[in-house]
């Protein structure tokens, strides 16, 4: 998990705690904390999904390079003869 996603997840949890405390004390300020929690959770999901897509793309590139390299080596071996 990327570091920024982890930080956003921490902010999300802290916002939830702040919202619960705020509502339990009778304050409507909890609505602001709920909105902040929504934004933080979206940020966490975005960066988590982005890292997952980048990791999968890197794995695909590595797999493609593994399949291409032996073919290139064979053509070099043939041309050396």
C-alpha atoms as a PDB file:
ATOM      1  CA  UNK A   1       0.000   0.000   0.000  1.00  0.00           C
ATOM      2  CA  UNK A   2       1.442   3.394  -0.927  1.00  0.00           C
ATOM      3  CA  UNK A   3       2.345   5.689   1.907  1.00  0.00           C
ATOM      4  CA  UNK A   4      -0.114   8.425   0.897  1.00  0.00           C
ATOM      5  CA  UNK A   5      -2.956   5.881   0.842  1.00  0.00           C
ATOM      6  CA  UNK A   6      -1.983   4.758   4.312  1.00  0.00           C
ATOM      7  CA  UNK A   7      -1.970   8.360   5.563  1.00  0.00           C
ATOM      8  CA  UNK A   8      -5.379   8.965   3.975  1.00  0.00           C
ATOM      9  CA  UNK A   9      -6.709   5.837   5.653  1.00  0.00           C
ATOM     10  CA  UNK A  10      -5.442   7.092   9.014  1.00  0.00           C
ATOM     11  CA  UNK A  11      -7.156  10.448   8.404  1.00  0.00           C
ATOM     12  CA  UNK A  12     -10.329   8.564   7.512  1.00  0.00           C
ATOM     13  CA  UNK A  13     -10.309   6.627  10.788  1.00  0.00           C
ATOM     14  CA  UNK A  14      -9.513   9.733  12.840  1.00  0.00           C
ATOM     15  CA  UNK A  15     -12.317  11.627  11.091  1.00  0.00           C
ATOM     16  CA  UNK A  16     -14.727   8.856  12.001  1.00  0.00           C
ATOM     17  CA  UNK A  17     -13.676   9.036  15.644  1.00  0.00           C
ATOM     18  CA  UNK A  18     -14.008  12.823  15.618  1.00  0.00           C
ATOM     19  CA  UNK A  19     -17.469  12.589  14.047  1.00  0.00           C
ATOM     20  CA  UNK A  20     -18.675  10.101  16.649  1.00  0.00           C
ATOM     21  CA  UNK A  21     -17.352  12.241  19.486  1.00  0.00           C
ATOM     22  CA  UNK A  22     -18.844  15.367  17.973  1.00  0.00           C
ATOM     23  CA  UNK A  23     -22.293  13.826  17.500  1.00  0.00           C
ATOM     24  CA  UNK A  24     -22.218  12.283  20.965  1.00  0.00           C
ATOM     25  CA  UNK A  25     -21.671  15.745  22.455  1.00  0.00           C
ATOM     26  CA  UNK A  26     -24.641  17.095  20.501  1.00  0.00           C
ATOM     27  CA  UNK A  27     -22.685  19.153  17.997  1.00  0.00           C
ATOM     28  CA  UNK A  28     -23.534  19.266  14.300  1.00  0.00           C
ATOM     29  CA  UNK A  29     -19.837  19.754  13.525  1.00  0.00           C
ATOM     30  CA  UNK A  30     -19.770  15.977  13.033  1.00  0.00           C
ATOM     31  CA  UNK A  31     -21.179  16.542   9.549  1.00  0.00           C
ATOM     32  CA  UNK A  32     -17.902  18.208   8.554  1.00  0.00           C
ATOM     33  CA  UNK A  33     -15.956  15.236   9.910  1.00  0.00           C
ATOM     34  CA  UNK A  34     -18.157  12.842   7.930  1.00  0.00           C
ATOM     35  CA  UNK A  35     -17.446  14.810   4.748  1.00  0.00           C
ATOM     36  CA  UNK A  36     -13.729  14.774   5.492  1.00  0.00           C
ATOM     37  CA  UNK A  37     -13.922  11.031   6.048  1.00  0.00           C
ATOM     38  CA  UNK A  38     -15.526  10.618   2.617  1.00  0.00           C
ATOM     39  CA  UNK A  39     -12.808  12.618   0.896  1.00  0.00           C
ATOM     40  CA  UNK A  40     -10.037  10.792   2.749  1.00  0.00           C
ATOM     41  CA  UNK A  41     -11.487   7.383   1.897  1.00  0.00           C
ATOM     42  CA  UNK A  42     -11.708   8.333  -1.790  1.00  0.00           C
ATOM     43  CA  UNK A  43      -8.089   9.506  -1.751  1.00  0.00           C
ATOM     44  CA  UNK A  44      -6.981   6.270  -0.079  1.00  0.00           C
ATOM     45  CA  UNK A  45      -8.856   4.148  -2.616  1.00  0.00           C
ATOM     46  CA  UNK A  46      -7.531   6.170  -5.557  1.00  0.00           C
ATOM     47  CA  UNK A  47      -3.881   5.794  -4.586  1.00  0.00           C
ATOM     48  CA  UNK A  48      -4.323   2.137  -3.628  1.00  0.00           C
ATOM     49  CA  UNK A  49      -5.949   1.334  -6.982  1.00  0.00           C
ATOM     50  CA  UNK A  50      -3.344   3.393  -8.854  1.00  0.00           C
ATOM     51  CA  UNK A  51      -0.498   1.471  -7.216  1.00  0.00           C
ATOM     52  CA  UNK A  52      -2.222  -1.820  -7.992  1.00  0.00           C
ATOM     53  CA  UNK A  53      -2.588  -0.873 -11.672  1.00  0.00           C
ATOM     54  CA  UNK A  54       1.048   0.231 -11.876  1.00  0.00           C
ATOM     55  CA  UNK A  55       2.194  -3.013 -10.250  1.00  0.00           C
ATOM     56  CA  UNK A  56       0.156  -5.097 -12.707  1.00  0.00           C
ATOM     57  CA  UNK A  57       1.481  -3.093 -15.663  1.00  0.00           C
ATOM     58  CA  UNK A  58       5.055  -3.643 -14.466  1.00  0.00           C
ATOM     59  CA  UNK A  59       4.375  -7.378 -14.150  1.00  0.00           C
ATOM     60  CA  UNK A  60       2.985  -7.460 -17.700  1.00  0.00           C
ATOM     61  CA  UNK A  61       6.041  -5.612 -19.047  1.00  0.00           C
ATOM     62  CA  UNK A  62       8.343  -8.021 -17.236  1.00  0.00           C
ATOM     63  CA  UNK A  63       6.444 -11.000 -18.616  1.00  0.00           C
ATOM     64  CA  UNK A  64       6.624  -9.563 -22.141  1.00  0.00           C
ATOM     65  CA  UNK A  65      10.356  -8.989 -21.816  1.00  0.00           C
ATOM     66  CA  UNK A  66      10.876 -12.576 -20.661  1.00  0.00           C
ATOM     67  CA  UNK A  67       9.068 -13.904 -23.726  1.00  0.00           C
ATOM     68  CA  UNK A  68      10.869 -11.530 -26.118  1.00  0.00           C
ATOM     69  CA  UNK A  69      14.432 -12.029 -24.857  1.00  0.00           C
ATOM     70  CA  UNK A  70      14.839 -15.716 -25.752  1.00  0.00           C
ATOM     71  CA  UNK A  71      13.640 -15.036 -29.304  1.00  0.00           C
ATOM     72  CA  UNK A  72      16.159 -12.214 -29.677  1.00  0.00           C
ATOM     73  CA  UNK A  73      18.931 -14.419 -28.362  1.00  0.00           C
ATOM     74  CA  UNK A  74      18.057 -17.131 -30.895  1.00  0.00           C
ATOM     75  CA  UNK A  75      18.269 -14.676 -33.810  1.00  0.00           C
ATOM     76  CA  UNK A  76      21.635 -13.429 -32.572  1.00  0.00           C
ATOM     77  CA  UNK A  77      22.910 -17.000 -32.292  1.00  0.00           C
ATOM     78  CA  UNK A  78      21.829 -17.733 -35.860  1.00  0.00           C
ATOM     79  CA  UNK A  79      23.420 -14.572 -37.253  1.00  0.00           C
ATOM     80  CA  UNK A  80      26.736 -15.369 -35.563  1.00  0.00           C
ATOM     81  CA  UNK A  81      27.139 -18.549 -37.602  1.00  0.00           C
END
